Amino acid sequence: MQASAKFTHMKDGTAEDWRIIGSHFKPYAHALPDRVVAHLKLLEGDYGGFPVDRYTHSLQTATRALRDGRDEEYVVCALLHDVGDTLAVFNHPELAATMLKPFVSEANHWMLQHHGHFQGNYFFHHIGLDRNVRDQFKGHPHYNRTEEFCALYDAPAFDPKAETLPIEEFAPMLRRVMANAKGMYATVEM
């Protein structure tokens, strides 16, 4: 069922139109984890010069966090930290952070959003950038968390011989994390 033919502009919608539209929201939202996994898989085969492709890097990062005993939300952040590489080449951390904002803590959101600045400490000086760009955030409550994420999970996850769990290990976690949205649409009963 679709909204009425008179619905050509949002302001023209009736309560019945919005009931119909709303009835499609829950199934669409429920399928979000599947769409995210499909998008993450776009990184498969994309080596970008690295020893492993970006998909494997993502799985390795999540594997390292899981094996270290991190909670599911953190592991999902580790899994998806570079998901924006396909569409946001110049600002992938912000895309991952925006995508996960309704589902994660402020600390994990900040870590995702800024991990690129922190990761640069390992290589920016080799490409003509300031490797200490992360220093602008010194004193921030999530500075140490983000520095640790890069040091323990992101930076070392380029090893072709490292343990790399399959996506099936993480998909249930992703579903659970994405089942608890926060924000303005999370409370709307549709």
N, C-alpha and C. Protein backbone atom coordinates (compact mmCIF):
# COMPACT_ATOMS: atom_id res chain seq x y z
N MET A 1 0.84 -1.17 0.00
CA MET A 1 0.00 0.00 0.00
C MET A 1 0.89 1.24 0.00
N GLN A 2 0.46 2.26 -0.73
CA GLN A 2 1.21 3.51 -0.81
C GLN A 2 0.34 4.68 -0.39
N ALA A 3 1.01 5.79 -0.09
CA ALA A 3 0.29 7.02 0.26
C ALA A 3 -0.60 7.44 -0.90
N SER A 4 -1.54 8.31 -0.60
CA SER A 4 -2.52 8.75 -1.61
C SER A 4 -1.84 9.48 -2.77
N ALA A 5 -2.52 9.54 -3.88
CA ALA A 5 -2.01 10.23 -5.07
C ALA A 5 -1.81 11.72 -4.81
N LYS A 6 -2.51 12.26 -3.79
CA LYS A 6 -2.37 13.68 -3.46
C LYS A 6 -1.06 13.97 -2.72
N PHE A 7 -0.38 12.92 -2.30
CA PHE A 7 0.87 13.08 -1.56
C PHE A 7 2.00 13.31 -2.56
N THR A 8 2.17 14.54 -2.95
CA THR A 8 3.28 14.90 -3.84
C THR A 8 4.25 15.83 -3.14
N HIS A 9 3.91 16.24 -1.96
CA HIS A 9 4.74 17.12 -1.13
C HIS A 9 4.47 16.72 0.32
N MET A 10 5.49 16.72 1.14
CA MET A 10 5.30 16.26 2.53
C MET A 10 4.19 17.01 3.25
N LYS A 11 4.03 18.30 2.96
CA LYS A 11 3.01 19.09 3.65
C LYS A 11 1.60 18.66 3.29
N ASP A 12 1.44 17.92 2.19
CA ASP A 12 0.12 17.45 1.76
C ASP A 12 -0.30 16.14 2.40
N GLY A 13 0.60 15.50 3.13
CA GLY A 13 0.31 14.19 3.71
C GLY A 13 -0.74 14.25 4.80
N THR A 14 -1.59 13.25 4.80
CA THR A 14 -2.62 13.12 5.84
C THR A 14 -2.12 12.13 6.90
N ALA A 15 -2.85 12.04 7.99
CA ALA A 15 -2.50 11.06 9.04
C ALA A 15 -2.51 9.64 8.45
N GLU A 16 -3.45 9.36 7.56
CA GLU A 16 -3.51 8.04 6.92
C GLU A 16 -2.29 7.82 6.03
N ASP A 17 -1.89 8.83 5.28
CA ASP A 17 -0.68 8.72 4.46
C ASP A 17 0.53 8.39 5.32
N TRP A 18 0.66 9.08 6.44
CA TRP A 18 1.82 8.87 7.32
C TRP A 18 1.73 7.53 8.04
N ARG A 19 0.53 7.02 8.28
CA ARG A 19 0.39 5.68 8.84
C ARG A 19 0.92 4.66 7.84
N ILE A 20 0.56 4.83 6.58
CA ILE A 20 1.02 3.92 5.52
C ILE A 20 2.54 4.00 5.38
N ILE A 21 3.05 5.21 5.32
CA ILE A 21 4.50 5.40 5.21
C ILE A 21 5.20 4.81 6.43
N GLY A 22 4.64 5.07 7.60
CA GLY A 22 5.21 4.56 8.84
C GLY A 22 5.23 3.05 8.91
N SER A 23 4.26 2.40 8.29
CA SER A 23 4.21 0.93 8.32
C SER A 23 5.39 0.32 7.57
N HIS A 24 6.03 1.09 6.72
CA HIS A 24 7.20 0.62 5.98
C HIS A 24 8.50 0.88 6.74
N PHE A 25 8.44 1.75 7.74
CA PHE A 25 9.66 2.17 8.44
C PHE A 25 10.30 1.03 9.22
N LYS A 26 9.51 0.32 10.03
CA LYS A 26 10.10 -0.74 10.87
C LYS A 26 10.79 -1.82 10.06
N PRO A 27 10.15 -2.36 9.01
CA PRO A 27 10.86 -3.38 8.22
C PRO A 27 12.14 -2.82 7.57
N TYR A 28 12.07 -1.58 7.12
CA TYR A 28 13.25 -0.96 6.50
C TYR A 28 14.36 -0.78 7.54
N ALA A 29 14.00 -0.28 8.70
CA ALA A 29 14.98 -0.09 9.77
C ALA A 29 15.53 -1.44 10.24
N HIS A 30 14.69 -2.44 10.31
CA HIS A 30 15.12 -3.77 10.74
C HIS A 30 16.18 -4.35 9.79
N ALA A 31 16.11 -4.01 8.51
CA ALA A 31 17.05 -4.53 7.51
C ALA A 31 18.35 -3.70 7.44
N LEU A 32 18.45 -2.66 8.25
CA LEU A 32 19.65 -1.81 8.22
C LEU A 32 20.94 -2.60 8.42
N PRO A 33 21.04 -3.50 9.40
CA PRO A 33 22.30 -4.24 9.55
C PRO A 33 22.71 -5.01 8.28
N ASP A 34 21.74 -5.56 7.57
CA ASP A 34 22.05 -6.27 6.33
C ASP A 34 22.62 -5.33 5.27
N ARG A 35 22.05 -4.13 5.18
CA ARG A 35 22.56 -3.15 4.22
C ARG A 35 23.96 -2.69 4.61
N VAL A 36 24.20 -2.55 5.91
CA VAL A 36 25.52 -2.14 6.38
C VAL A 36 26.56 -3.21 6.05
N VAL A 37 26.23 -4.47 6.29
CA VAL A 37 27.15 -5.56 5.96
C VAL A 37 27.42 -5.58 4.46
N ALA A 38 26.38 -5.42 3.66
CA ALA A 38 26.57 -5.39 2.20
C ALA A 38 27.51 -4.25 1.80
N HIS A 39 27.35 -3.11 2.44
CA HIS A 39 28.22 -1.98 2.13
C HIS A 39 29.65 -2.25 2.60
N LEU A 40 29.80 -2.86 3.76
CA LEU A 40 31.13 -3.20 4.25
C LEU A 40 31.83 -4.16 3.28
N LYS A 41 31.08 -5.07 2.72
CA LYS A 41 31.65 -6.04 1.79
C LYS A 41 32.14 -5.40 0.50
N LEU A 42 31.72 -4.16 0.23
CA LEU A 42 32.26 -3.45 -0.94
C LEU A 42 33.76 -3.21 -0.81
N LEU A 43 34.28 -3.30 0.42
CA LEU A 43 35.71 -3.11 0.67
C LEU A 43 36.52 -4.36 0.33
N GLU A 44 35.83 -5.47 0.08
CA GLU A 44 36.51 -6.71 -0.27
C GLU A 44 37.23 -6.54 -1.60
N GLY A 45 38.49 -6.92 -1.63
CA GLY A 45 39.29 -6.81 -2.85
C GLY A 45 39.91 -5.44 -3.06
N ASP A 46 39.59 -4.49 -2.19
CA ASP A 46 40.15 -3.13 -2.29
C ASP A 46 41.38 -3.05 -1.37
N TYR A 47 42.53 -3.28 -1.95
CA TYR A 47 43.77 -3.31 -1.17
C TYR A 47 44.33 -1.92 -0.93
N GLY A 48 44.15 -1.01 -1.86
CA GLY A 48 44.68 0.33 -1.70
C GLY A 48 46.17 0.35 -1.40
N GLY A 49 46.89 -0.69 -1.83
CA GLY A 49 48.32 -0.77 -1.59
C GLY A 49 48.69 -1.47 -0.28
N PHE A 50 47.71 -1.76 0.55
CA PHE A 50 47.97 -2.42 1.84
C PHE A 50 48.17 -3.93 1.64
N PRO A 51 48.75 -4.61 2.63
CA PRO A 51 48.95 -6.07 2.51
C PRO A 51 47.66 -6.89 2.62
N VAL A 52 46.59 -6.30 3.14
CA VAL A 52 45.27 -6.95 3.18
C VAL A 52 44.26 -5.96 2.62
N ASP A 53 43.14 -6.49 2.11
CA ASP A 53 42.12 -5.57 1.61
C ASP A 53 41.42 -4.89 2.79
N ARG A 54 40.69 -3.84 2.47
CA ARG A 54 40.06 -3.03 3.53
C ARG A 54 38.98 -3.81 4.29
N TYR A 55 38.37 -4.76 3.63
CA TYR A 55 37.38 -5.61 4.29
C TYR A 55 38.07 -6.48 5.35
N THR A 56 39.16 -7.12 4.98
CA THR A 56 39.93 -7.92 5.93
C THR A 56 40.44 -7.05 7.06
N HIS A 57 40.90 -5.85 6.74
CA HIS A 57 41.35 -4.92 7.78
C HIS A 57 40.23 -4.66 8.79
N SER A 58 39.03 -4.45 8.29
CA SER A 58 37.89 -4.20 9.17
C SER A 58 37.60 -5.41 10.05
N LEU A 59 37.60 -6.58 9.46
CA LEU A 59 37.36 -7.82 10.22
C LEU A 59 38.47 -8.06 11.24
N GLN A 60 39.72 -7.79 10.85
CA GLN A 60 40.84 -7.96 11.79
C GLN A 60 40.74 -6.98 12.96
N THR A 61 40.37 -5.75 12.67
CA THR A 61 40.24 -4.76 13.73
C THR A 61 39.20 -5.22 14.74
N ALA A 62 38.05 -5.68 14.24
CA ALA A 62 36.99 -6.18 15.11
C ALA A 62 37.42 -7.45 15.85
N THR A 63 38.13 -8.32 15.17
CA THR A 63 38.61 -9.56 15.79
C THR A 63 39.53 -9.23 16.97
N ARG A 64 40.43 -8.31 16.76
CA ARG A 64 41.37 -7.91 17.82
C ARG A 64 40.60 -7.35 19.03
N ALA A 65 39.61 -6.50 18.76
CA ALA A 65 38.83 -5.90 19.85
C ALA A 65 38.02 -6.98 20.59
N LEU A 66 37.42 -7.89 19.84
CA LEU A 66 36.65 -8.97 20.45
C LEU A 66 37.54 -9.86 21.31
N ARG A 67 38.68 -10.26 20.79
CA ARG A 67 39.60 -11.14 21.52
C ARG A 67 40.16 -10.45 22.77
N ASP A 68 40.14 -9.12 22.75
CA ASP A 68 40.64 -8.36 23.90
C ASP A 68 39.55 -8.13 24.95
N GLY A 69 38.34 -8.65 24.68
CA GLY A 69 37.26 -8.56 25.67
C GLY A 69 36.44 -7.28 25.62
N ARG A 70 36.52 -6.54 24.53
CA ARG A 70 35.71 -5.32 24.42
C ARG A 70 34.24 -5.67 24.28
N ASP A 71 33.37 -4.74 24.70
CA ASP A 71 31.93 -5.00 24.61
C ASP A 71 31.46 -4.93 23.15
N GLU A 72 30.25 -5.40 22.93
CA GLU A 72 29.73 -5.50 21.56
C GLU A 72 29.69 -4.16 20.83
N GLU A 73 29.30 -3.13 21.52
CA GLU A 73 29.24 -1.81 20.88
C GLU A 73 30.63 -1.40 20.36
N TYR A 74 31.62 -1.59 21.18
CA TYR A 74 32.99 -1.25 20.80
C TYR A 74 33.45 -2.12 19.63
N VAL A 75 33.14 -3.41 19.67
CA VAL A 75 33.53 -4.32 18.58
C VAL A 75 32.86 -3.90 17.28
N VAL A 76 31.60 -3.52 17.34
CA VAL A 76 30.90 -3.05 16.14
C VAL A 76 31.56 -1.77 15.62
N CYS A 77 31.95 -0.89 16.50
CA CYS A 77 32.67 0.31 16.07
C CYS A 77 33.99 -0.07 15.39
N ALA A 78 34.69 -1.05 15.94
CA ALA A 78 35.94 -1.51 15.34
C ALA A 78 35.67 -2.10 13.95
N LEU A 79 34.60 -2.85 13.83
CA LEU A 79 34.24 -3.46 12.55
C LEU A 79 33.95 -2.40 11.49
N LEU A 80 33.24 -1.36 11.88
CA LEU A 80 32.74 -0.39 10.90
C LEU A 80 33.54 0.91 10.84
N HIS A 81 34.66 0.99 11.52
CA HIS A 81 35.39 2.25 11.59
C HIS A 81 35.80 2.78 10.22
N ASP A 82 36.03 1.92 9.24
CA ASP A 82 36.44 2.36 7.90
C ASP A 82 35.38 2.11 6.84
N VAL A 83 34.15 1.83 7.24
CA VAL A 83 33.08 1.55 6.28
C VAL A 83 32.89 2.72 5.31
N GLY A 84 33.25 3.91 5.72
CA GLY A 84 33.09 5.09 4.87
C GLY A 84 34.12 5.21 3.77
N ASP A 85 35.10 4.33 3.73
CA ASP A 85 36.15 4.42 2.71
C ASP A 85 35.62 4.44 1.28
N THR A 86 34.49 3.77 1.03
CA THR A 86 33.98 3.70 -0.34
C THR A 86 33.34 5.01 -0.79
N LEU A 87 32.63 5.68 0.09
CA LEU A 87 31.89 6.88 -0.30
C LEU A 87 32.49 8.19 0.20
N ALA A 88 33.29 8.12 1.24
CA ALA A 88 33.84 9.33 1.86
C ALA A 88 35.36 9.22 1.92
N VAL A 89 35.97 9.20 0.78
CA VAL A 89 37.41 8.98 0.69
C VAL A 89 38.19 10.00 1.51
N PHE A 90 37.72 11.22 1.58
CA PHE A 90 38.45 12.28 2.26
C PHE A 90 38.00 12.51 3.70
N ASN A 91 36.92 11.83 4.11
CA ASN A 91 36.45 12.00 5.49
C ASN A 91 35.73 10.75 6.00
N HIS A 92 36.32 9.60 5.75
CA HIS A 92 35.66 8.34 6.12
C HIS A 92 35.35 8.23 7.62
N PRO A 93 36.19 8.79 8.53
CA PRO A 93 35.83 8.65 9.95
C PRO A 93 34.49 9.32 10.29
N GLU A 94 34.24 10.47 9.67
CA GLU A 94 32.99 11.18 9.95
C GLU A 94 31.78 10.41 9.46
N LEU A 95 31.93 9.73 8.32
CA LEU A 95 30.81 8.96 7.79
C LEU A 95 30.47 7.79 8.72
N ALA A 96 31.49 7.06 9.15
CA ALA A 96 31.25 5.94 10.07
C ALA A 96 30.61 6.44 11.36
N ALA A 97 31.10 7.55 11.87
CA ALA A 97 30.57 8.11 13.12
C ALA A 97 29.11 8.54 12.95
N THR A 98 28.80 9.17 11.85
CA THR A 98 27.43 9.61 11.60
C THR A 98 26.49 8.42 11.47
N MET A 99 26.94 7.40 10.77
CA MET A 99 26.12 6.22 10.57
C MET A 99 25.80 5.53 11.90
N LEU A 100 26.77 5.48 12.80
CA LEU A 100 26.58 4.76 14.06
C LEU A 100 26.09 5.63 15.21
N LYS A 101 26.00 6.93 15.01
CA LYS A 101 25.63 7.84 16.10
C LYS A 101 24.35 7.44 16.84
N PRO A 102 23.29 7.02 16.16
CA PRO A 102 22.07 6.67 16.90
C PRO A 102 22.19 5.40 17.74
N PHE A 103 23.30 4.68 17.61
CA PHE A 103 23.41 3.37 18.24
C PHE A 103 24.52 3.24 19.27
N VAL A 104 25.41 4.22 19.35
CA VAL A 104 26.59 4.08 20.21
C VAL A 104 26.70 5.21 21.21
N SER A 105 27.53 4.97 22.21
CA SER A 105 27.78 5.98 23.24
C SER A 105 28.50 7.18 22.64
N GLU A 106 28.48 8.26 23.38
CA GLU A 106 29.19 9.47 22.94
C GLU A 106 30.68 9.19 22.84
N ALA A 107 31.22 8.37 23.75
CA ALA A 107 32.66 8.05 23.74
C ALA A 107 33.03 7.27 22.47
N ASN A 108 32.22 6.28 22.11
CA ASN A 108 32.51 5.52 20.89
C ASN A 108 32.28 6.35 19.64
N HIS A 109 31.28 7.21 19.67
CA HIS A 109 31.03 8.10 18.53
C HIS A 109 32.24 9.01 18.32
N TRP A 110 32.74 9.61 19.38
CA TRP A 110 33.89 10.51 19.27
C TRP A 110 35.11 9.76 18.76
N MET A 111 35.31 8.55 19.27
CA MET A 111 36.44 7.72 18.84
C MET A 111 36.36 7.46 17.33
N LEU A 112 35.19 7.09 16.84
CA LEU A 112 35.02 6.86 15.41
C LEU A 112 35.29 8.13 14.61
N GLN A 113 34.69 9.20 15.06
CA GLN A 113 34.78 10.46 14.33
C GLN A 113 36.21 10.98 14.22
N HIS A 114 37.04 10.70 15.21
CA HIS A 114 38.38 11.28 15.25
C HIS A 114 39.52 10.28 15.02
N HIS A 115 39.20 9.02 14.78
CA HIS A 115 40.28 8.05 14.67
C HIS A 115 41.25 8.36 13.53
N GLY A 116 40.81 9.02 12.50
CA GLY A 116 41.70 9.38 11.39
C GLY A 116 42.82 10.32 11.82
N HIS A 117 42.49 11.28 12.68
CA HIS A 117 43.51 12.19 13.20
C HIS A 117 44.56 11.44 14.01
N PHE A 118 44.09 10.46 14.76
CA PHE A 118 44.98 9.69 15.63
C PHE A 118 45.81 8.68 14.84
N GLN A 119 45.19 8.07 13.84
CA GLN A 119 45.90 7.11 13.00
C GLN A 119 47.03 7.81 12.23
N GLY A 120 46.83 9.07 11.93
CA GLY A 120 47.84 9.82 11.21
C GLY A 120 49.17 9.90 11.93
N ASN A 121 49.17 9.68 13.23
CA ASN A 121 50.42 9.72 13.98
C ASN A 121 51.42 8.68 13.48
N TYR A 122 50.94 7.62 12.86
CA TYR A 122 51.80 6.55 12.37
C TYR A 122 52.39 6.83 10.99
N PHE A 123 51.74 7.71 10.20
CA PHE A 123 52.21 7.86 8.82
C PHE A 123 52.13 9.25 8.20
N PHE A 124 51.45 10.19 8.83
CA PHE A 124 51.28 11.50 8.20
C PHE A 124 52.61 12.14 7.82
N HIS A 125 53.63 11.97 8.61
CA HIS A 125 54.93 12.58 8.31
C HIS A 125 55.53 12.02 7.02
N HIS A 126 55.08 10.85 6.59
CA HIS A 126 55.58 10.26 5.34
C HIS A 126 54.88 10.82 4.11
N ILE A 127 53.75 11.48 4.31
CA ILE A 127 52.99 12.00 3.16
C ILE A 127 52.85 13.52 3.22
N GLY A 128 53.71 14.16 4.00
CA GLY A 128 53.73 15.62 4.03
C GLY A 128 52.71 16.27 4.95
N LEU A 129 52.15 15.51 5.87
CA LEU A 129 51.19 16.06 6.82
C LEU A 129 51.78 16.04 8.22
N ASP A 130 51.14 16.73 9.12
CA ASP A 130 51.60 16.81 10.50
C ASP A 130 51.16 15.56 11.26
N ARG A 131 52.11 14.74 11.64
CA ARG A 131 51.79 13.50 12.35
C ARG A 131 51.21 13.76 13.73
N ASN A 132 51.39 14.95 14.25
CA ASN A 132 50.90 15.30 15.59
C ASN A 132 49.57 16.04 15.56
N VAL A 133 48.84 15.92 14.48
CA VAL A 133 47.56 16.62 14.36
C VAL A 133 46.60 16.22 15.48
N ARG A 134 46.75 15.03 16.00
CA ARG A 134 45.87 14.58 17.09
C ARG A 134 46.09 15.38 18.37
N ASP A 135 47.24 16.04 18.48
CA ASP A 135 47.55 16.81 19.69
C ASP A 135 46.55 17.92 19.96
N GLN A 136 45.85 18.37 18.93
CA GLN A 136 44.84 19.41 19.13
C GLN A 136 43.72 18.94 20.06
N PHE A 137 43.62 17.63 20.24
CA PHE A 137 42.57 17.08 21.09
C PHE A 137 43.07 16.69 22.48
N LYS A 138 44.33 16.94 22.77
CA LYS A 138 44.87 16.59 24.10
C LYS A 138 44.00 17.23 25.17
N GLY A 139 43.73 16.46 26.18
CA GLY A 139 42.87 16.94 27.26
C GLY A 139 41.41 16.58 27.06
N HIS A 140 41.05 16.15 25.86
CA HIS A 140 39.65 15.73 25.63
C HIS A 140 39.41 14.42 26.38
N PRO A 141 38.22 14.27 26.95
CA PRO A 141 37.93 13.05 27.74
C PRO A 141 38.10 11.73 26.95
N HIS A 142 38.01 11.77 25.62
CA HIS A 142 38.08 10.54 24.83
C HIS A 142 39.39 10.42 24.05
N TYR A 143 40.34 11.29 24.36
CA TYR A 143 41.64 11.26 23.68
C TYR A 143 42.32 9.90 23.89
N ASN A 144 42.47 9.48 25.14
CA ASN A 144 43.18 8.24 25.44
C ASN A 144 42.47 7.03 24.84
N ARG A 145 41.14 7.03 24.86
CA ARG A 145 40.36 5.93 24.29
C ARG A 145 40.65 5.81 22.80
N THR A 146 40.70 6.93 22.11
CA THR A 146 40.92 6.92 20.66
C THR A 146 42.36 6.55 20.33
N GLU A 147 43.29 7.05 21.11
CA GLU A 147 44.70 6.69 20.92
C GLU A 147 44.87 5.18 21.12
N GLU A 148 44.23 4.63 22.13
CA GLU A 148 44.32 3.20 22.40
C GLU A 148 43.66 2.38 21.29
N PHE A 149 42.52 2.83 20.79
CA PHE A 149 41.85 2.13 19.68
C PHE A 149 42.80 2.00 18.49
N CYS A 150 43.44 3.08 18.14
CA CYS A 150 44.36 3.03 17.00
C CYS A 150 45.56 2.13 17.28
N ALA A 151 46.13 2.26 18.48
CA ALA A 151 47.34 1.50 18.81
C ALA A 151 47.08 0.00 18.92
N LEU A 152 45.97 -0.39 19.55
CA LEU A 152 45.72 -1.81 19.81
C LEU A 152 44.97 -2.53 18.70
N TYR A 153 44.11 -1.81 17.99
CA TYR A 153 43.20 -2.50 17.08
C TYR A 153 43.33 -2.05 15.62
N ASP A 154 43.31 -0.78 15.36
CA ASP A 154 43.31 -0.29 13.98
C ASP A 154 44.68 -0.41 13.32
N ALA A 155 45.70 0.15 13.92
CA ALA A 155 47.03 0.19 13.30
C ALA A 155 47.63 -1.19 13.04
N PRO A 156 47.48 -2.16 13.94
CA PRO A 156 48.11 -3.47 13.68
C PRO A 156 47.27 -4.43 12.83
N ALA A 157 46.13 -3.99 12.33
CA ALA A 157 45.20 -4.90 11.64
C ALA A 157 45.42 -4.92 10.12
N PHE A 158 46.68 -5.07 9.73
CA PHE A 158 47.02 -5.17 8.30
C PHE A 158 47.89 -6.40 8.05
N ASP A 159 47.74 -7.40 8.89
CA ASP A 159 48.60 -8.57 8.87
C ASP A 159 47.92 -9.74 8.16
N PRO A 160 48.43 -10.15 7.00
CA PRO A 160 47.80 -11.26 6.28
C PRO A 160 47.77 -12.56 7.08
N LYS A 161 48.60 -12.69 8.10
CA LYS A 161 48.65 -13.92 8.90
C LYS A 161 47.85 -13.82 10.20
N ALA A 162 47.31 -12.66 10.49
CA ALA A 162 46.59 -12.47 11.75
C ALA A 162 45.23 -13.16 11.72
N GLU A 163 44.75 -13.49 12.90
CA GLU A 163 43.41 -14.07 13.01
C GLU A 163 42.38 -13.08 12.46
N THR A 164 41.52 -13.58 11.62
CA THR A 164 40.48 -12.75 11.01
C THR A 164 39.18 -13.54 11.04
N LEU A 165 38.33 -13.21 11.99
CA LEU A 165 37.04 -13.89 12.09
C LEU A 165 36.14 -13.46 10.93
N PRO A 166 35.24 -14.33 10.50
CA PRO A 166 34.34 -13.99 9.39
C PRO A 166 33.23 -13.03 9.84
N ILE A 167 32.61 -12.41 8.90
CA ILE A 167 31.54 -11.44 9.18
C ILE A 167 30.40 -12.10 9.96
N GLU A 168 30.18 -13.38 9.77
CA GLU A 168 29.12 -14.09 10.49
C GLU A 168 29.31 -14.04 12.01
N GLU A 169 30.54 -13.88 12.44
CA GLU A 169 30.83 -13.75 13.87
C GLU A 169 30.32 -12.42 14.42
N PHE A 170 30.32 -11.39 13.57
CA PHE A 170 30.00 -10.04 14.02
C PHE A 170 28.57 -9.60 13.68
N ALA A 171 27.95 -10.23 12.70
CA ALA A 171 26.61 -9.82 12.27
C ALA A 171 25.60 -9.83 13.41
N PRO A 172 25.57 -10.86 14.27
CA PRO A 172 24.61 -10.82 15.39
C PRO A 172 24.86 -9.63 16.33
N MET A 173 26.13 -9.29 16.56
CA MET A 173 26.45 -8.13 17.40
C MET A 173 25.93 -6.86 16.75
N LEU A 174 26.16 -6.75 15.46
CA LEU A 174 25.69 -5.57 14.71
C LEU A 174 24.17 -5.44 14.83
N ARG A 175 23.47 -6.55 14.70
CA ARG A 175 22.00 -6.53 14.83
C ARG A 175 21.57 -6.06 16.22
N ARG A 176 22.25 -6.56 17.24
CA ARG A 176 21.88 -6.17 18.62
C ARG A 176 22.16 -4.69 18.85
N VAL A 177 23.31 -4.22 18.41
CA VAL A 177 23.65 -2.80 18.61
C VAL A 177 22.67 -1.91 17.84
N MET A 178 22.35 -2.30 16.61
CA MET A 178 21.45 -1.47 15.80
C MET A 178 19.98 -1.64 16.16
N ALA A 179 19.69 -2.51 17.08
CA ALA A 179 18.30 -2.67 17.55
C ALA A 179 17.94 -1.65 18.62
N ASN A 180 18.92 -0.89 19.08
CA ASN A 180 18.70 0.06 20.17
C ASN A 180 19.06 1.47 19.74
N ALA A 181 18.28 2.01 18.84
CA ALA A 181 18.54 3.36 18.34
C ALA A 181 18.16 4.42 19.36
N LYS A 182 18.93 5.50 19.33
CA LYS A 182 18.62 6.69 20.12
C LYS A 182 18.35 7.81 19.12
N GLY A 183 17.71 8.84 19.54
CA GLY A 183 17.46 9.97 18.65
C GLY A 183 15.99 10.18 18.39
N MET A 184 15.69 11.17 17.56
CA MET A 184 14.31 11.59 17.40
C MET A 184 13.41 10.55 16.78
N TYR A 185 13.90 9.72 15.88
CA TYR A 185 13.03 8.72 15.27
C TYR A 185 12.89 7.45 16.10
N ALA A 186 13.78 7.27 17.06
CA ALA A 186 13.77 6.04 17.85
C ALA A 186 12.52 5.90 18.71
N THR A 187 11.91 7.01 19.09
CA THR A 187 10.75 6.95 19.98
C THR A 187 9.42 7.02 19.23
N VAL A 188 9.46 7.22 17.93
CA VAL A 188 8.23 7.34 17.15
C VAL A 188 7.63 5.95 16.96
N GLU A 189 6.37 5.80 17.31
CA GLU A 189 5.68 4.54 17.09
C GLU A 189 5.07 4.59 15.71
N MET A 190 5.59 3.77 14.83
CA MET A 190 5.06 3.76 13.44
C MET A 190 4.46 2.42 13.14
